Amino acid sequence: MSICAICNTRKGKRKCIDSDTFVCSQCCGSTRNAEKCTGCEFNNPTGFEKNPYISVPGFSIKQMADNISLQNFSEVIENVICKFDYEHNMQLKDDIALHVLELLLDKFYFKKEIIPGENELLNEFYNMIIWAISKNLQGVSQNDIAKILKTIYASVKRHTLGKREYFDFILKFIGIDGMRIIGNKN
């Protein structure tokens, strides 16, 4: 490893395609240029946006703890998450939960209708949650649903280490025996 060619203080771990030197991640992010960085593996093709889901408002842990209605609304979605994992032999990874929650936030907060695509597992997961919301959260505002989704999303981000830590956590909370089957879609 070499020293960052820009700041000369941190380790330069990223090979800069513009300067053909090594730079630190902080300098790479702060000096990035869309034209010069085209083709760089560290260049975010979405226009250097940060995760847009971070800006979505959610409920705090205290708000959730103090409001049984919010807990019940959240459990509708969390029960589906547990049920879906159980139906797939408890082998799902947290990234599918994050992805489906991002699609749901696109729908309920950003008001974009995004189709999950060719991934059948993701389609099934998304449709199960949409169905549960439509059947069990009638009368709950779109804004509150988005805030609940963000709260669950934040929980997944807090618990995951890249495997299935969130799924294991939520299964302990909901429990297999406590898992409610929320209606039957068929």
N, C-alpha and C. Protein backbone atom coordinates (compact mmCIF):
# COMPACT_ATOMS: atom_id res chain seq x y z
N MET A 1 0.84 -1.19 0.00
CA MET A 1 0.00 0.00 0.00
C MET A 1 0.88 1.25 0.00
N SER A 2 0.33 2.26 -0.61
CA SER A 2 1.06 3.52 -0.64
C SER A 2 0.23 4.60 0.05
N ILE A 3 0.82 5.73 0.21
CA ILE A 3 0.12 6.88 0.80
C ILE A 3 -0.75 7.51 -0.29
N CYS A 4 -1.90 8.03 0.12
CA CYS A 4 -2.82 8.69 -0.81
C CYS A 4 -2.10 9.82 -1.54
N ALA A 5 -2.21 9.84 -2.86
CA ALA A 5 -1.54 10.85 -3.68
C ALA A 5 -2.19 12.23 -3.56
N ILE A 6 -3.39 12.29 -2.99
CA ILE A 6 -4.08 13.58 -2.88
C ILE A 6 -3.83 14.22 -1.52
N CYS A 7 -4.12 13.48 -0.42
CA CYS A 7 -3.99 14.08 0.91
C CYS A 7 -2.65 13.78 1.59
N ASN A 8 -1.96 12.78 1.11
CA ASN A 8 -0.66 12.38 1.67
C ASN A 8 -0.70 12.04 3.16
N THR A 9 -1.87 11.64 3.66
CA THR A 9 -1.96 11.28 5.08
C THR A 9 -2.50 9.86 5.30
N ARG A 10 -3.45 9.43 4.50
CA ARG A 10 -4.06 8.11 4.67
C ARG A 10 -3.49 7.13 3.64
N LYS A 11 -3.78 5.85 3.89
CA LYS A 11 -3.34 4.82 2.94
C LYS A 11 -4.12 4.94 1.64
N GLY A 12 -3.43 4.89 0.54
CA GLY A 12 -4.07 4.90 -0.77
C GLY A 12 -4.37 3.47 -1.19
N LYS A 13 -5.64 3.08 -1.10
CA LYS A 13 -6.02 1.70 -1.40
C LYS A 13 -6.72 1.57 -2.75
N ARG A 14 -7.18 2.68 -3.29
CA ARG A 14 -7.92 2.64 -4.56
C ARG A 14 -7.05 3.18 -5.70
N LYS A 15 -6.99 2.41 -6.76
CA LYS A 15 -6.23 2.84 -7.94
C LYS A 15 -7.10 3.82 -8.72
N CYS A 16 -6.65 5.06 -8.82
CA CYS A 16 -7.40 6.11 -9.53
C CYS A 16 -7.10 5.99 -11.03
N ILE A 17 -8.16 5.84 -11.83
CA ILE A 17 -7.94 5.71 -13.28
C ILE A 17 -7.60 7.04 -13.93
N ASP A 18 -7.93 8.14 -13.26
CA ASP A 18 -7.62 9.46 -13.81
C ASP A 18 -6.15 9.82 -13.61
N SER A 19 -5.67 9.68 -12.37
CA SER A 19 -4.29 10.09 -12.07
C SER A 19 -3.30 8.93 -12.11
N ASP A 20 -3.80 7.71 -12.24
CA ASP A 20 -2.97 6.51 -12.27
C ASP A 20 -2.12 6.39 -11.01
N THR A 21 -2.71 6.81 -9.88
CA THR A 21 -2.05 6.69 -8.57
C THR A 21 -3.04 6.05 -7.60
N PHE A 22 -2.57 5.77 -6.40
CA PHE A 22 -3.45 5.23 -5.37
C PHE A 22 -3.96 6.38 -4.49
N VAL A 23 -5.27 6.33 -4.20
CA VAL A 23 -5.88 7.35 -3.35
C VAL A 23 -6.69 6.67 -2.26
N CYS A 24 -6.93 7.40 -1.16
CA CYS A 24 -7.76 6.86 -0.08
C CYS A 24 -9.23 6.99 -0.47
N SER A 25 -10.09 6.25 0.20
CA SER A 25 -11.51 6.26 -0.16
C SER A 25 -12.14 7.64 0.06
N GLN A 26 -11.70 8.36 1.09
CA GLN A 26 -12.27 9.68 1.34
C GLN A 26 -11.95 10.65 0.21
N CYS A 27 -10.71 10.68 -0.21
CA CYS A 27 -10.32 11.57 -1.32
C CYS A 27 -10.97 11.11 -2.62
N CYS A 28 -11.07 9.81 -2.82
CA CYS A 28 -11.72 9.28 -4.02
C CYS A 28 -13.15 9.80 -4.11
N GLY A 29 -13.87 9.74 -3.00
CA GLY A 29 -15.26 10.18 -2.99
C GLY A 29 -15.42 11.68 -3.11
N SER A 30 -14.49 12.45 -2.52
CA SER A 30 -14.65 13.91 -2.52
C SER A 30 -14.13 14.57 -3.79
N THR A 31 -13.29 13.90 -4.55
CA THR A 31 -12.73 14.51 -5.77
C THR A 31 -13.26 13.88 -7.04
N ARG A 32 -14.23 13.02 -6.92
CA ARG A 32 -14.74 12.27 -8.08
C ARG A 32 -15.37 13.22 -9.10
N ASN A 33 -15.13 12.92 -10.36
CA ASN A 33 -15.66 13.70 -11.47
C ASN A 33 -16.32 12.73 -12.44
N ALA A 34 -17.56 13.01 -12.82
CA ALA A 34 -18.32 12.09 -13.66
C ALA A 34 -17.61 11.78 -14.98
N GLU A 35 -17.00 12.78 -15.60
CA GLU A 35 -16.33 12.56 -16.88
C GLU A 35 -15.04 11.76 -16.72
N LYS A 36 -14.22 12.16 -15.77
CA LYS A 36 -12.92 11.53 -15.60
C LYS A 36 -13.03 10.13 -14.98
N CYS A 37 -14.09 9.89 -14.23
CA CYS A 37 -14.21 8.63 -13.50
C CYS A 37 -15.07 7.58 -14.20
N THR A 38 -15.46 7.84 -15.43
CA THR A 38 -16.25 6.86 -16.18
C THR A 38 -15.45 5.57 -16.32
N GLY A 39 -16.08 4.48 -15.96
CA GLY A 39 -15.43 3.18 -16.04
C GLY A 39 -14.74 2.74 -14.76
N CYS A 40 -14.65 3.63 -13.79
CA CYS A 40 -14.02 3.27 -12.51
C CYS A 40 -14.98 2.40 -11.70
N GLU A 41 -14.45 1.36 -11.07
CA GLU A 41 -15.30 0.47 -10.28
C GLU A 41 -15.90 1.16 -9.06
N PHE A 42 -15.31 2.26 -8.61
CA PHE A 42 -15.81 2.98 -7.45
C PHE A 42 -16.78 4.10 -7.83
N ASN A 43 -16.96 4.31 -9.12
CA ASN A 43 -17.86 5.35 -9.61
C ASN A 43 -19.29 4.85 -9.52
N ASN A 44 -20.15 5.57 -8.82
CA ASN A 44 -21.55 5.20 -8.67
C ASN A 44 -22.30 5.67 -9.91
N PRO A 45 -22.84 4.75 -10.72
CA PRO A 45 -23.50 5.14 -11.97
C PRO A 45 -24.81 5.89 -11.77
N THR A 46 -25.30 6.00 -10.55
CA THR A 46 -26.56 6.70 -10.33
C THR A 46 -26.34 8.18 -10.03
N GLY A 47 -25.25 8.72 -10.46
CA GLY A 47 -25.03 10.16 -10.28
C GLY A 47 -24.47 10.50 -8.92
N PHE A 48 -23.70 9.62 -8.35
CA PHE A 48 -23.05 9.84 -7.06
C PHE A 48 -24.02 10.04 -5.92
N GLU A 49 -25.24 9.54 -6.06
CA GLU A 49 -26.21 9.64 -4.97
C GLU A 49 -25.81 8.70 -3.86
N LYS A 50 -26.07 9.14 -2.66
CA LYS A 50 -25.93 8.24 -1.53
C LYS A 50 -27.21 7.43 -1.46
N ASN A 51 -27.25 6.48 -0.58
CA ASN A 51 -28.43 5.64 -0.41
C ASN A 51 -29.65 6.53 -0.14
N PRO A 52 -30.62 6.59 -1.07
CA PRO A 52 -31.77 7.47 -0.87
C PRO A 52 -32.68 7.01 0.27
N TYR A 53 -32.55 5.77 0.69
CA TYR A 53 -33.43 5.23 1.73
C TYR A 53 -33.05 5.75 3.11
N ILE A 54 -31.83 6.27 3.24
CA ILE A 54 -31.40 6.85 4.51
C ILE A 54 -32.25 8.07 4.85
N SER A 55 -32.65 8.82 3.83
CA SER A 55 -33.40 10.06 4.05
C SER A 55 -34.88 9.84 4.35
N VAL A 56 -35.37 8.62 4.18
CA VAL A 56 -36.79 8.34 4.44
C VAL A 56 -37.04 8.42 5.94
N PRO A 57 -38.05 9.17 6.37
CA PRO A 57 -38.33 9.24 7.81
C PRO A 57 -38.91 7.92 8.31
N GLY A 58 -38.59 7.59 9.53
CA GLY A 58 -39.12 6.38 10.16
C GLY A 58 -39.51 6.69 11.59
N PHE A 59 -39.98 5.68 12.29
CA PHE A 59 -40.30 5.83 13.70
C PHE A 59 -39.08 5.45 14.52
N SER A 60 -38.87 6.17 15.62
CA SER A 60 -37.75 5.84 16.51
C SER A 60 -38.10 4.58 17.30
N ILE A 61 -37.09 3.99 17.89
CA ILE A 61 -37.31 2.80 18.72
C ILE A 61 -38.25 3.15 19.86
N LYS A 62 -38.09 4.33 20.45
CA LYS A 62 -38.97 4.75 21.55
C LYS A 62 -40.40 4.92 21.07
N GLN A 63 -40.59 5.55 19.92
CA GLN A 63 -41.95 5.71 19.38
C GLN A 63 -42.60 4.35 19.18
N MET A 64 -41.85 3.41 18.65
CA MET A 64 -42.39 2.07 18.44
C MET A 64 -42.73 1.41 19.77
N ALA A 65 -41.84 1.53 20.74
CA ALA A 65 -42.05 0.89 22.05
C ALA A 65 -43.25 1.48 22.78
N ASP A 66 -43.50 2.77 22.57
CA ASP A 66 -44.59 3.45 23.29
C ASP A 66 -45.94 3.37 22.59
N ASN A 67 -46.01 2.78 21.41
CA ASN A 67 -47.26 2.81 20.65
C ASN A 67 -47.61 1.40 20.16
N ILE A 68 -48.59 0.79 20.82
CA ILE A 68 -48.97 -0.58 20.49
C ILE A 68 -49.52 -0.69 19.07
N SER A 69 -50.17 0.35 18.58
CA SER A 69 -50.69 0.32 17.20
C SER A 69 -49.55 0.23 16.20
N LEU A 70 -48.50 1.02 16.41
CA LEU A 70 -47.35 0.96 15.51
C LEU A 70 -46.69 -0.42 15.57
N GLN A 71 -46.63 -0.99 16.76
CA GLN A 71 -46.07 -2.33 16.90
C GLN A 71 -46.91 -3.35 16.12
N ASN A 72 -48.22 -3.22 16.22
CA ASN A 72 -49.10 -4.15 15.50
C ASN A 72 -48.96 -3.99 13.99
N PHE A 73 -48.86 -2.74 13.52
CA PHE A 73 -48.68 -2.50 12.08
C PHE A 73 -47.36 -3.13 11.61
N SER A 74 -46.32 -2.92 12.40
CA SER A 74 -45.01 -3.47 12.06
C SER A 74 -45.03 -4.99 12.05
N GLU A 75 -45.75 -5.57 12.99
CA GLU A 75 -45.82 -7.04 13.06
C GLU A 75 -46.48 -7.65 11.84
N VAL A 76 -47.38 -6.93 11.20
CA VAL A 76 -47.99 -7.45 9.97
C VAL A 76 -46.90 -7.75 8.95
N ILE A 77 -45.99 -6.81 8.78
CA ILE A 77 -44.91 -6.96 7.80
C ILE A 77 -43.87 -7.96 8.30
N GLU A 78 -43.53 -7.86 9.58
CA GLU A 78 -42.52 -8.77 10.14
C GLU A 78 -42.99 -10.22 10.14
N ASN A 79 -44.28 -10.44 10.33
CA ASN A 79 -44.82 -11.80 10.25
C ASN A 79 -44.65 -12.36 8.84
N VAL A 80 -44.89 -11.54 7.84
CA VAL A 80 -44.71 -11.99 6.46
C VAL A 80 -43.24 -12.30 6.20
N ILE A 81 -42.36 -11.46 6.72
CA ILE A 81 -40.92 -11.69 6.56
C ILE A 81 -40.54 -13.05 7.16
N CYS A 82 -41.03 -13.32 8.37
CA CYS A 82 -40.73 -14.61 9.02
C CYS A 82 -41.36 -15.78 8.27
N LYS A 83 -42.60 -15.60 7.86
CA LYS A 83 -43.31 -16.66 7.14
C LYS A 83 -42.58 -16.99 5.84
N PHE A 84 -42.17 -15.96 5.13
CA PHE A 84 -41.47 -16.17 3.85
C PHE A 84 -40.15 -16.91 4.08
N ASP A 85 -39.41 -16.50 5.10
CA ASP A 85 -38.16 -17.18 5.42
C ASP A 85 -38.42 -18.63 5.80
N TYR A 86 -39.44 -18.87 6.61
CA TYR A 86 -39.79 -20.22 7.03
C TYR A 86 -40.16 -21.09 5.83
N GLU A 87 -40.93 -20.53 4.91
CA GLU A 87 -41.33 -21.27 3.70
C GLU A 87 -40.13 -21.59 2.80
N HIS A 88 -39.04 -20.90 3.00
CA HIS A 88 -37.82 -21.14 2.21
C HIS A 88 -36.74 -21.75 3.09
N ASN A 89 -37.19 -22.62 4.00
CA ASN A 89 -36.31 -23.43 4.84
C ASN A 89 -35.33 -22.62 5.68
N MET A 90 -35.72 -21.40 6.00
CA MET A 90 -34.91 -20.52 6.85
C MET A 90 -33.47 -20.42 6.32
N GLN A 91 -33.37 -20.24 5.01
CA GLN A 91 -32.07 -20.15 4.34
C GLN A 91 -31.85 -18.79 3.67
N LEU A 92 -32.79 -17.86 3.81
CA LEU A 92 -32.66 -16.57 3.13
C LEU A 92 -31.58 -15.72 3.79
N LYS A 93 -30.98 -14.86 3.00
CA LYS A 93 -29.98 -13.92 3.49
C LYS A 93 -30.64 -12.55 3.66
N ASP A 94 -30.06 -11.74 4.53
CA ASP A 94 -30.62 -10.43 4.84
C ASP A 94 -30.72 -9.52 3.63
N ASP A 95 -29.87 -9.70 2.63
CA ASP A 95 -29.90 -8.80 1.47
C ASP A 95 -31.23 -8.87 0.73
N ILE A 96 -31.92 -10.01 0.75
CA ILE A 96 -33.22 -10.06 0.08
C ILE A 96 -34.25 -9.25 0.87
N ALA A 97 -34.14 -9.25 2.19
CA ALA A 97 -35.04 -8.43 3.01
C ALA A 97 -34.78 -6.94 2.73
N LEU A 98 -33.51 -6.56 2.65
CA LEU A 98 -33.18 -5.17 2.33
C LEU A 98 -33.72 -4.79 0.96
N HIS A 99 -33.53 -5.67 -0.01
CA HIS A 99 -33.96 -5.36 -1.37
C HIS A 99 -35.47 -5.21 -1.45
N VAL A 100 -36.21 -6.12 -0.83
CA VAL A 100 -37.67 -6.02 -0.90
C VAL A 100 -38.16 -4.78 -0.15
N LEU A 101 -37.52 -4.44 0.96
CA LEU A 101 -37.92 -3.23 1.68
C LEU A 101 -37.61 -1.97 0.87
N GLU A 102 -36.53 -1.98 0.12
CA GLU A 102 -36.22 -0.85 -0.77
C GLU A 102 -37.29 -0.71 -1.85
N LEU A 103 -37.71 -1.83 -2.42
CA LEU A 103 -38.79 -1.79 -3.43
C LEU A 103 -40.09 -1.26 -2.82
N LEU A 104 -40.37 -1.67 -1.60
CA LEU A 104 -41.58 -1.21 -0.92
C LEU A 104 -41.49 0.28 -0.58
N LEU A 105 -40.30 0.73 -0.18
CA LEU A 105 -40.12 2.17 0.07
C LEU A 105 -40.24 2.96 -1.23
N ASP A 106 -39.76 2.39 -2.33
CA ASP A 106 -39.95 3.04 -3.63
C ASP A 106 -41.44 3.26 -3.89
N LYS A 107 -42.24 2.27 -3.57
CA LYS A 107 -43.68 2.35 -3.81
C LYS A 107 -44.38 3.29 -2.83
N PHE A 108 -44.15 3.11 -1.54
CA PHE A 108 -44.92 3.84 -0.53
C PHE A 108 -44.37 5.22 -0.19
N TYR A 109 -43.06 5.43 -0.32
CA TYR A 109 -42.51 6.74 0.01
C TYR A 109 -42.17 7.55 -1.24
N PHE A 110 -41.43 6.95 -2.16
CA PHE A 110 -41.01 7.68 -3.36
C PHE A 110 -42.07 7.68 -4.45
N LYS A 111 -43.15 6.91 -4.23
CA LYS A 111 -44.30 6.84 -5.16
C LYS A 111 -43.88 6.37 -6.55
N LYS A 112 -42.91 5.46 -6.60
CA LYS A 112 -42.49 4.86 -7.87
C LYS A 112 -42.97 3.42 -7.87
N GLU A 113 -43.56 3.01 -8.95
CA GLU A 113 -43.97 1.61 -9.06
C GLU A 113 -42.85 0.86 -9.77
N ILE A 114 -42.08 0.15 -8.99
CA ILE A 114 -40.95 -0.59 -9.54
C ILE A 114 -41.27 -2.07 -9.46
N ILE A 115 -41.17 -2.73 -10.57
CA ILE A 115 -41.41 -4.17 -10.64
C ILE A 115 -40.12 -4.87 -10.24
N PRO A 116 -40.20 -5.86 -9.35
CA PRO A 116 -38.99 -6.54 -8.91
C PRO A 116 -38.16 -7.18 -10.02
N GLY A 117 -38.73 -7.43 -11.18
CA GLY A 117 -37.94 -7.96 -12.29
C GLY A 117 -38.05 -9.47 -12.42
N GLU A 118 -36.98 -10.06 -12.93
CA GLU A 118 -36.97 -11.49 -13.26
C GLU A 118 -36.79 -12.39 -12.04
N ASN A 119 -36.38 -11.84 -10.92
CA ASN A 119 -36.11 -12.65 -9.74
C ASN A 119 -37.42 -13.14 -9.13
N GLU A 120 -37.73 -14.42 -9.32
CA GLU A 120 -39.00 -14.98 -8.86
C GLU A 120 -39.12 -14.92 -7.34
N LEU A 121 -38.03 -15.17 -6.64
CA LEU A 121 -38.04 -15.14 -5.18
C LEU A 121 -38.38 -13.74 -4.68
N LEU A 122 -37.75 -12.74 -5.26
CA LEU A 122 -38.01 -11.35 -4.88
C LEU A 122 -39.44 -10.95 -5.23
N ASN A 123 -39.92 -11.36 -6.40
CA ASN A 123 -41.30 -11.09 -6.80
C ASN A 123 -42.29 -11.68 -5.80
N GLU A 124 -42.06 -12.92 -5.43
CA GLU A 124 -42.95 -13.60 -4.49
C GLU A 124 -42.96 -12.89 -3.13
N PHE A 125 -41.78 -12.53 -2.65
CA PHE A 125 -41.62 -11.85 -1.36
C PHE A 125 -42.34 -10.50 -1.39
N TYR A 126 -42.08 -9.72 -2.42
CA TYR A 126 -42.69 -8.40 -2.59
C TYR A 126 -44.21 -8.52 -2.62
N ASN A 127 -44.72 -9.44 -3.43
CA ASN A 127 -46.18 -9.59 -3.56
C ASN A 127 -46.84 -10.06 -2.27
N MET A 128 -46.14 -10.90 -1.50
CA MET A 128 -46.70 -11.33 -0.21
C MET A 128 -46.86 -10.15 0.74
N ILE A 129 -45.86 -9.29 0.78
CA ILE A 129 -45.94 -8.13 1.69
C ILE A 129 -46.99 -7.14 1.19
N ILE A 130 -47.04 -6.89 -0.11
CA ILE A 130 -48.06 -5.99 -0.67
C ILE A 130 -49.45 -6.52 -0.33
N TRP A 131 -49.64 -7.82 -0.49
CA TRP A 131 -50.94 -8.43 -0.20
C TRP A 131 -51.29 -8.27 1.28
N ALA A 132 -50.33 -8.54 2.18
CA ALA A 132 -50.58 -8.42 3.62
C ALA A 132 -50.90 -6.97 4.00
N ILE A 133 -50.21 -6.02 3.40
CA ILE A 133 -50.48 -4.61 3.67
C ILE A 133 -51.89 -4.26 3.21
N SER A 134 -52.27 -4.71 2.01
CA SER A 134 -53.60 -4.37 1.49
C SER A 134 -54.72 -5.00 2.31
N LYS A 135 -54.49 -6.17 2.88
CA LYS A 135 -55.52 -6.86 3.66
C LYS A 135 -55.55 -6.44 5.12
N ASN A 136 -54.40 -6.11 5.68
CA ASN A 136 -54.32 -5.91 7.12
C ASN A 136 -54.02 -4.48 7.57
N LEU A 137 -53.63 -3.63 6.64
CA LEU A 137 -53.32 -2.25 7.02
C LEU A 137 -54.22 -1.26 6.30
N GLN A 138 -55.44 -1.69 6.01
CA GLN A 138 -56.40 -0.77 5.40
C GLN A 138 -56.66 0.35 6.41
N GLY A 139 -56.72 1.55 5.94
CA GLY A 139 -56.96 2.68 6.82
C GLY A 139 -55.69 3.28 7.40
N VAL A 140 -54.56 2.61 7.23
CA VAL A 140 -53.28 3.17 7.67
C VAL A 140 -52.75 4.01 6.52
N SER A 141 -52.34 5.23 6.83
CA SER A 141 -51.89 6.13 5.76
C SER A 141 -50.64 5.60 5.07
N GLN A 142 -50.49 5.98 3.80
CA GLN A 142 -49.29 5.61 3.03
C GLN A 142 -48.03 6.13 3.73
N ASN A 143 -48.14 7.31 4.33
CA ASN A 143 -47.01 7.90 5.03
C ASN A 143 -46.60 7.04 6.22
N ASP A 144 -47.59 6.58 7.01
CA ASP A 144 -47.27 5.73 8.16
C ASP A 144 -46.72 4.37 7.72
N ILE A 145 -47.26 3.83 6.63
CA ILE A 145 -46.73 2.56 6.11
C ILE A 145 -45.27 2.75 5.70
N ALA A 146 -44.97 3.86 5.02
CA ALA A 146 -43.59 4.14 4.61
C ALA A 146 -42.68 4.27 5.83
N LYS A 147 -43.16 4.93 6.88
CA LYS A 147 -42.35 5.10 8.09
C LYS A 147 -42.12 3.76 8.79
N ILE A 148 -43.12 2.89 8.77
CA ILE A 148 -42.97 1.55 9.35
C ILE A 148 -41.95 0.75 8.54
N LEU A 149 -42.08 0.81 7.22
CA LEU A 149 -41.13 0.11 6.35
C LEU A 149 -39.70 0.61 6.60
N LYS A 150 -39.55 1.93 6.75
CA LYS A 150 -38.21 2.49 7.01
C LYS A 150 -37.68 2.00 8.36
N THR A 151 -38.56 1.90 9.35
CA THR A 151 -38.15 1.43 10.67
C THR A 151 -37.65 -0.01 10.60
N ILE A 152 -38.36 -0.84 9.84
CA ILE A 152 -37.93 -2.23 9.65
C ILE A 152 -36.63 -2.26 8.85
N TYR A 153 -36.54 -1.43 7.82
CA TYR A 153 -35.33 -1.34 7.00
C TYR A 153 -34.12 -0.98 7.88
N ALA A 154 -34.31 -0.01 8.77
CA ALA A 154 -33.22 0.40 9.67
C ALA A 154 -32.83 -0.74 10.60
N SER A 155 -33.81 -1.53 11.03
CA SER A 155 -33.53 -2.68 11.88
C SER A 155 -32.70 -3.72 11.14
N VAL A 156 -33.05 -3.97 9.88
CA VAL A 156 -32.27 -4.92 9.08
C VAL A 156 -30.83 -4.40 8.96
N LYS A 157 -30.67 -3.12 8.63
CA LYS A 157 -29.33 -2.53 8.47
C LYS A 157 -28.53 -2.63 9.78
N ARG A 158 -29.23 -2.43 10.91
CA ARG A 158 -28.57 -2.48 12.22
C ARG A 158 -28.09 -3.89 12.56
N HIS A 159 -28.87 -4.89 12.20
CA HIS A 159 -28.57 -6.26 12.63
C HIS A 159 -27.69 -7.05 11.66
N THR A 160 -27.73 -6.72 10.39
CA THR A 160 -27.06 -7.58 9.42
C THR A 160 -25.54 -7.40 9.41
N LEU A 161 -24.89 -8.52 9.20
CA LEU A 161 -23.45 -8.53 8.96
C LEU A 161 -23.18 -9.16 7.60
N GLY A 162 -24.26 -9.25 6.80
CA GLY A 162 -24.12 -9.79 5.45
C GLY A 162 -24.63 -11.20 5.27
N LYS A 163 -25.06 -11.82 6.34
CA LYS A 163 -25.57 -13.19 6.22
C LYS A 163 -27.07 -13.18 6.51
N ARG A 164 -27.49 -13.77 7.64
CA ARG A 164 -28.91 -13.79 7.96
C ARG A 164 -29.14 -13.39 9.43
N GLU A 165 -28.36 -12.46 9.90
CA GLU A 165 -28.47 -12.03 11.28
C GLU A 165 -29.82 -11.39 11.58
N TYR A 166 -30.35 -10.59 10.64
CA TYR A 166 -31.67 -9.99 10.85
C TYR A 166 -32.74 -11.07 10.90
N PHE A 167 -32.71 -12.00 9.95
CA PHE A 167 -33.72 -13.07 9.95
C PHE A 167 -33.68 -13.84 11.26
N ASP A 168 -32.49 -14.15 11.76
CA ASP A 168 -32.37 -14.87 13.03
C ASP A 168 -32.91 -14.03 14.18
N PHE A 169 -32.63 -12.73 14.18
CA PHE A 169 -33.13 -11.83 15.21
C PHE A 169 -34.65 -11.76 15.19
N ILE A 170 -35.23 -11.54 14.03
CA ILE A 170 -36.68 -11.36 13.95
C ILE A 170 -37.42 -12.66 14.25
N LEU A 171 -36.82 -13.79 13.89
CA LEU A 171 -37.44 -15.08 14.23
C LEU A 171 -37.47 -15.28 15.74
N LYS A 172 -36.45 -14.80 16.45
CA LYS A 172 -36.47 -14.88 17.92
C LYS A 172 -37.57 -13.99 18.48
N PHE A 173 -37.76 -12.83 17.86
CA PHE A 173 -38.76 -11.87 18.32
C PHE A 173 -40.18 -12.36 18.01
N ILE A 174 -40.42 -12.74 16.77
CA ILE A 174 -41.74 -13.21 16.35
C ILE A 174 -41.93 -14.66 16.77
N GLY A 175 -40.91 -15.46 16.54
CA GLY A 175 -40.97 -16.88 16.87
C GLY A 175 -41.77 -17.67 15.86
N ILE A 176 -41.36 -18.89 15.64
CA ILE A 176 -42.09 -19.75 14.70
C ILE A 176 -43.49 -20.00 15.22
N ASP A 177 -43.61 -20.29 16.51
CA ASP A 177 -44.93 -20.57 17.08
C ASP A 177 -45.80 -19.32 17.12
N GLY A 178 -45.17 -18.15 17.27
CA GLY A 178 -45.92 -16.91 17.34
C GLY A 178 -46.25 -16.31 15.99
N MET A 179 -45.73 -16.93 14.94
CA MET A 179 -45.94 -16.41 13.60
C MET A 179 -47.41 -16.55 13.23
N ARG A 180 -48.02 -15.44 12.98
CA ARG A 180 -49.42 -15.48 12.57
C ARG A 180 -49.47 -15.61 11.06
N ILE A 181 -50.33 -16.45 10.60
CA ILE A 181 -50.57 -16.53 9.17
C ILE A 181 -51.65 -15.51 8.90
N ILE A 182 -51.28 -14.47 8.20
CA ILE A 182 -52.18 -13.33 8.01
C ILE A 182 -53.02 -13.57 6.78
N GLY A 183 -54.14 -14.20 6.99
CA GLY A 183 -55.01 -14.51 5.86
C GLY A 183 -54.38 -15.57 4.98
N ASN A 184 -55.05 -15.92 3.95
CA ASN A 184 -54.52 -16.87 2.98
C ASN A 184 -54.75 -16.30 1.61
N LYS A 185 -53.69 -16.09 0.90
CA LYS A 185 -53.77 -15.45 -0.41
C LYS A 185 -54.52 -16.32 -1.42
N ASN A 186 -54.47 -17.62 -1.25
CA ASN A 186 -55.08 -18.51 -2.24
C ASN A 186 -56.51 -18.80 -1.91
